[in-house]
Amino acid sequence: MAGKEMEVVKGVDLARYMGRWYEIAAFPSRFQPKDGTNTRATYTLNEDGTVHVLNETWSGGKRGYIEGTAYRADPKSDEAKLKVKFYVPPFLPIIPVVGDYWVMYLDDDYQYALIGQPSRKYLWILCRQNHLDEEIYKQLVEKAKGEGYDVTKLNKTTHTDPPPETEDASADSKGIWWIKSILGR
């Protein structure tokens, strides 16, 4: 299966895709805290057409986050293949690390999405709410399976209701946990 080109959504309206997305499930990463909860991503469109990325998670009551930039892998293509660039470490922008962000499925209302990478080592199910209908979840898992992903590795992300407010959180100064997880390295 790994040799087969992954199916990717075409014609994504980036402006509609902006905003907050909650991680419903993802492949675990040794760089992400095992007890990470309320994991989410917030995307903001920049004037130059790139996207500001803010990834957050809570671990031990502290907020960890990393920021980066996403941009179309090929500006001439209407395929939803993005590159995401983070600086390592986040507070010392010296070494840029770039990873793939391919939108494999997105519903017509831009309410839930399946994100993968050509390596198939990383997978995310995202939703505008911090919970997703079980039937839809199963359909997205089946779609990923059909694209050659080992879906047994999917872990559901724990969320609290209501979600934590960013401003209330004490910061996690380490901030490194997201980098490798999102980049598939």
Protein backbone atom coordinates (compact mmCIF):
# COMPACT_ATOMS: atom_id res chain seq x y z
CA MET A 1 0.00 0.00 0.00
CA ALA A 2 2.79 2.41 0.84
CA GLY A 3 3.73 2.68 -2.82
CA LYS A 4 0.29 3.98 -3.77
CA GLU A 5 -0.09 7.75 -3.96
CA MET A 6 -2.31 9.00 -1.16
CA GLU A 7 -5.59 10.59 -2.11
CA VAL A 8 -5.65 14.28 -1.27
CA VAL A 9 -8.51 16.78 -1.25
CA LYS A 10 -8.56 19.29 -4.11
CA GLY A 11 -9.74 22.89 -4.06
CA VAL A 12 -9.59 23.54 -0.31
CA ASP A 13 -10.57 27.11 0.52
CA LEU A 14 -7.76 28.01 2.93
CA ALA A 15 -9.71 30.95 4.35
CA ARG A 16 -12.55 28.60 5.37
CA TYR A 17 -10.05 26.14 6.79
CA MET A 18 -8.68 28.71 9.22
CA GLY A 19 -9.61 28.79 12.90
CA ARG A 20 -9.41 26.26 15.69
CA TRP A 21 -9.35 22.50 15.21
CA TYR A 22 -9.35 19.95 18.03
CA GLU A 23 -7.32 16.76 17.79
CA ILE A 24 -9.82 13.90 18.14
CA ALA A 25 -7.27 11.16 17.57
CA ALA A 26 -3.70 10.83 16.37
CA PHE A 27 -0.80 8.44 16.09
CA PRO A 28 1.22 8.70 19.30
CA SER A 29 4.65 10.23 19.24
CA ARG A 30 7.48 9.76 21.69
CA PHE A 31 7.96 13.52 21.53
CA GLN A 32 4.44 14.27 22.73
CA PRO A 33 3.55 13.87 26.40
CA LYS A 34 1.68 10.61 26.99
CA ASP A 35 -0.72 12.45 29.26
CA GLY A 36 -1.31 15.33 26.83
CA THR A 37 -4.93 16.51 26.81
CA ASN A 38 -7.00 19.17 25.05
CA THR A 39 -4.62 19.09 22.09
CA ARG A 40 -5.63 21.56 19.39
CA ALA A 41 -4.38 23.61 16.48
CA THR A 42 -5.31 27.17 15.55
CA TYR A 43 -4.67 28.39 12.01
CA THR A 44 -4.62 32.05 10.95
CA LEU A 45 -4.24 33.25 7.37
CA ASN A 46 -1.36 35.69 6.87
CA GLU A 47 -1.53 38.51 4.34
CA ASP A 48 1.02 36.79 2.11
CA GLY A 49 -1.15 33.67 1.81
CA THR A 50 0.84 31.59 4.29
CA VAL A 51 -0.76 30.24 7.47
CA HIS A 52 0.27 30.90 11.06
CA VAL A 53 0.09 27.63 13.02
CA LEU A 54 -0.33 27.41 16.79
CA ASN A 55 -0.33 23.90 18.29
CA GLU A 56 -1.25 23.53 21.94
CA THR A 57 -1.56 20.71 24.44
CA TRP A 58 -1.97 20.50 28.19
CA SER A 59 0.17 18.22 30.33
CA GLY A 60 0.27 18.19 34.11
CA GLY A 61 -1.91 21.29 34.15
CA LYS A 62 0.55 23.25 32.03
CA ARG A 63 0.09 24.49 28.49
CA GLY A 64 2.73 23.48 25.98
CA TYR A 65 2.71 25.08 22.56
CA ILE A 66 4.69 25.60 19.41
CA GLU A 67 4.17 28.01 16.53
CA GLY A 68 5.01 27.62 12.89
CA THR A 69 4.10 28.52 9.32
CA ALA A 70 2.24 26.45 6.76
CA TYR A 71 2.23 27.05 3.03
CA ARG A 72 1.16 25.26 -0.13
CA ALA A 73 3.77 22.73 -1.27
CA ASP A 74 3.03 23.72 -4.88
CA PRO A 75 1.30 27.11 -5.29
CA LYS A 76 0.17 26.11 -8.79
CA SER A 77 -1.62 22.95 -7.63
CA ASP A 78 -5.14 22.88 -6.18
CA GLU A 79 -4.27 19.81 -4.10
CA ALA A 80 -4.37 20.29 -0.32
CA LYS A 81 -0.70 19.48 0.22
CA LEU A 82 0.88 21.84 2.69
CA LYS A 83 4.33 22.14 4.19
CA VAL A 84 4.58 23.12 7.84
CA LYS A 85 7.74 24.82 9.06
CA PHE A 86 8.69 25.10 12.73
CA TYR A 87 11.80 26.55 14.25
CA VAL A 88 13.74 24.36 16.63
CA PRO A 89 13.80 25.19 19.46
CA PRO A 90 10.72 27.43 19.34
CA PHE A 91 12.22 30.25 21.39
CA LEU A 92 15.44 30.34 19.34
CA PRO A 93 14.53 30.47 15.64
CA ILE A 94 17.69 29.01 14.17
CA ILE A 95 16.99 25.62 12.63
CA PRO A 96 13.84 25.38 10.51
CA VAL A 97 12.26 21.91 10.37
CA VAL A 98 9.75 21.25 7.60
CA GLY A 99 7.11 18.52 7.47
CA ASP A 100 4.19 17.47 5.27
CA TYR A 101 0.54 18.20 6.03
CA TRP A 102 -1.79 16.55 3.53
CA VAL A 103 -5.56 16.96 3.84
CA MET A 104 -6.91 13.52 2.92
CA TYR A 105 -10.53 14.23 3.74
CA LEU A 106 -12.55 17.34 4.58
CA ASP A 107 -16.32 17.54 4.83
CA ASP A 108 -18.23 20.14 2.80
CA ASP A 109 -18.85 22.30 5.87
CA TYR A 110 -15.20 22.25 6.99
CA GLN A 111 -16.15 20.67 10.32
CA TYR A 112 -13.88 17.63 10.41
CA ALA A 113 -10.74 16.56 8.61
CA LEU A 114 -8.33 13.69 8.14
CA ILE A 115 -4.68 14.74 7.91
CA GLY A 116 -1.79 12.52 6.88
CA GLN A 117 1.69 12.43 5.45
CA PRO A 118 3.18 10.50 2.55
CA SER A 119 5.35 8.56 5.01
CA ARG A 120 2.13 7.28 6.66
CA LYS A 121 3.87 7.48 10.03
CA TYR A 122 1.60 10.21 11.31
CA LEU A 123 -2.15 10.68 11.18
CA TRP A 124 -4.56 13.14 12.71
CA ILE A 125 -8.34 13.31 12.94
CA LEU A 126 -9.40 16.90 13.57
CA CYS A 127 -12.76 18.46 14.35
CA ARG A 128 -14.09 21.96 15.03
CA GLN A 129 -15.65 20.59 18.24
CA ASN A 130 -13.66 18.67 20.82
CA HIS A 131 -15.79 15.60 20.19
CA LEU A 132 -16.82 13.83 16.99
CA ASP A 133 -19.80 11.63 16.12
CA GLU A 134 -18.72 7.98 16.42
CA GLU A 135 -20.07 7.05 12.99
CA ILE A 136 -18.10 9.83 11.30
CA TYR A 137 -15.03 8.85 13.31
CA LYS A 138 -15.32 5.26 12.05
CA GLN A 139 -15.68 6.45 8.45
CA LEU A 140 -12.51 8.55 8.74
CA VAL A 141 -10.62 5.61 10.28
CA GLU A 142 -11.76 3.38 7.38
CA LYS A 143 -10.64 6.02 4.89
CA ALA A 144 -7.19 6.12 6.52
CA LYS A 145 -7.02 2.33 6.50
CA GLY A 146 -7.82 2.34 2.78
CA GLU A 147 -4.92 4.74 2.25
CA GLY A 148 -2.47 2.32 3.83
CA TYR A 149 -2.35 3.55 7.43
CA ASP A 150 -2.00 1.19 10.40
CA VAL A 151 -5.05 2.52 12.20
CA THR A 152 -4.43 0.30 15.25
CA LYS A 153 -1.93 2.99 16.29
CA LEU A 154 -4.62 5.68 16.57
CA ASN A 155 -5.03 7.09 20.08
CA LYS A 156 -8.09 9.10 21.02
CA THR A 157 -7.21 12.44 22.59
CA THR A 158 -8.72 13.32 25.97
CA HIS A 159 -10.60 16.62 26.12
CA THR A 160 -12.18 18.43 29.03
CA ASP A 161 -15.46 20.29 28.80
CA PRO A 162 -15.27 23.24 28.48
CA PRO A 163 -11.86 23.43 26.78
CA PRO A 164 -9.21 25.33 28.75
CA GLU A 165 -8.63 28.98 28.04
CA THR A 166 -5.16 29.79 26.79
CA GLU A 167 -4.89 32.85 29.02
CA ASP A 168 -5.52 30.84 32.20
CA ALA A 169 -2.72 28.39 31.60
CA SER A 170 0.70 28.40 33.12
CA ALA A 171 3.19 27.93 30.31
CA ASP A 172 5.24 24.83 29.78
CA SER A 173 8.73 26.16 29.14
CA LYS A 174 9.99 22.99 27.47
CA GLY A 175 7.86 23.38 24.37
CA ILE A 176 9.72 20.76 22.34
CA TRP A 177 7.14 17.96 22.42
CA TRP A 178 5.19 18.99 19.30
CA ILE A 179 8.03 19.41 16.91
CA LYS A 180 8.89 15.86 15.97
CA SER A 181 5.33 14.61 16.33
CA ILE A 182 3.93 16.89 13.66
CA LEU A 183 6.84 16.45 11.31
CA GLY A 184 6.95 12.68 11.07
CA ARG A 185 10.63 12.42 11.88
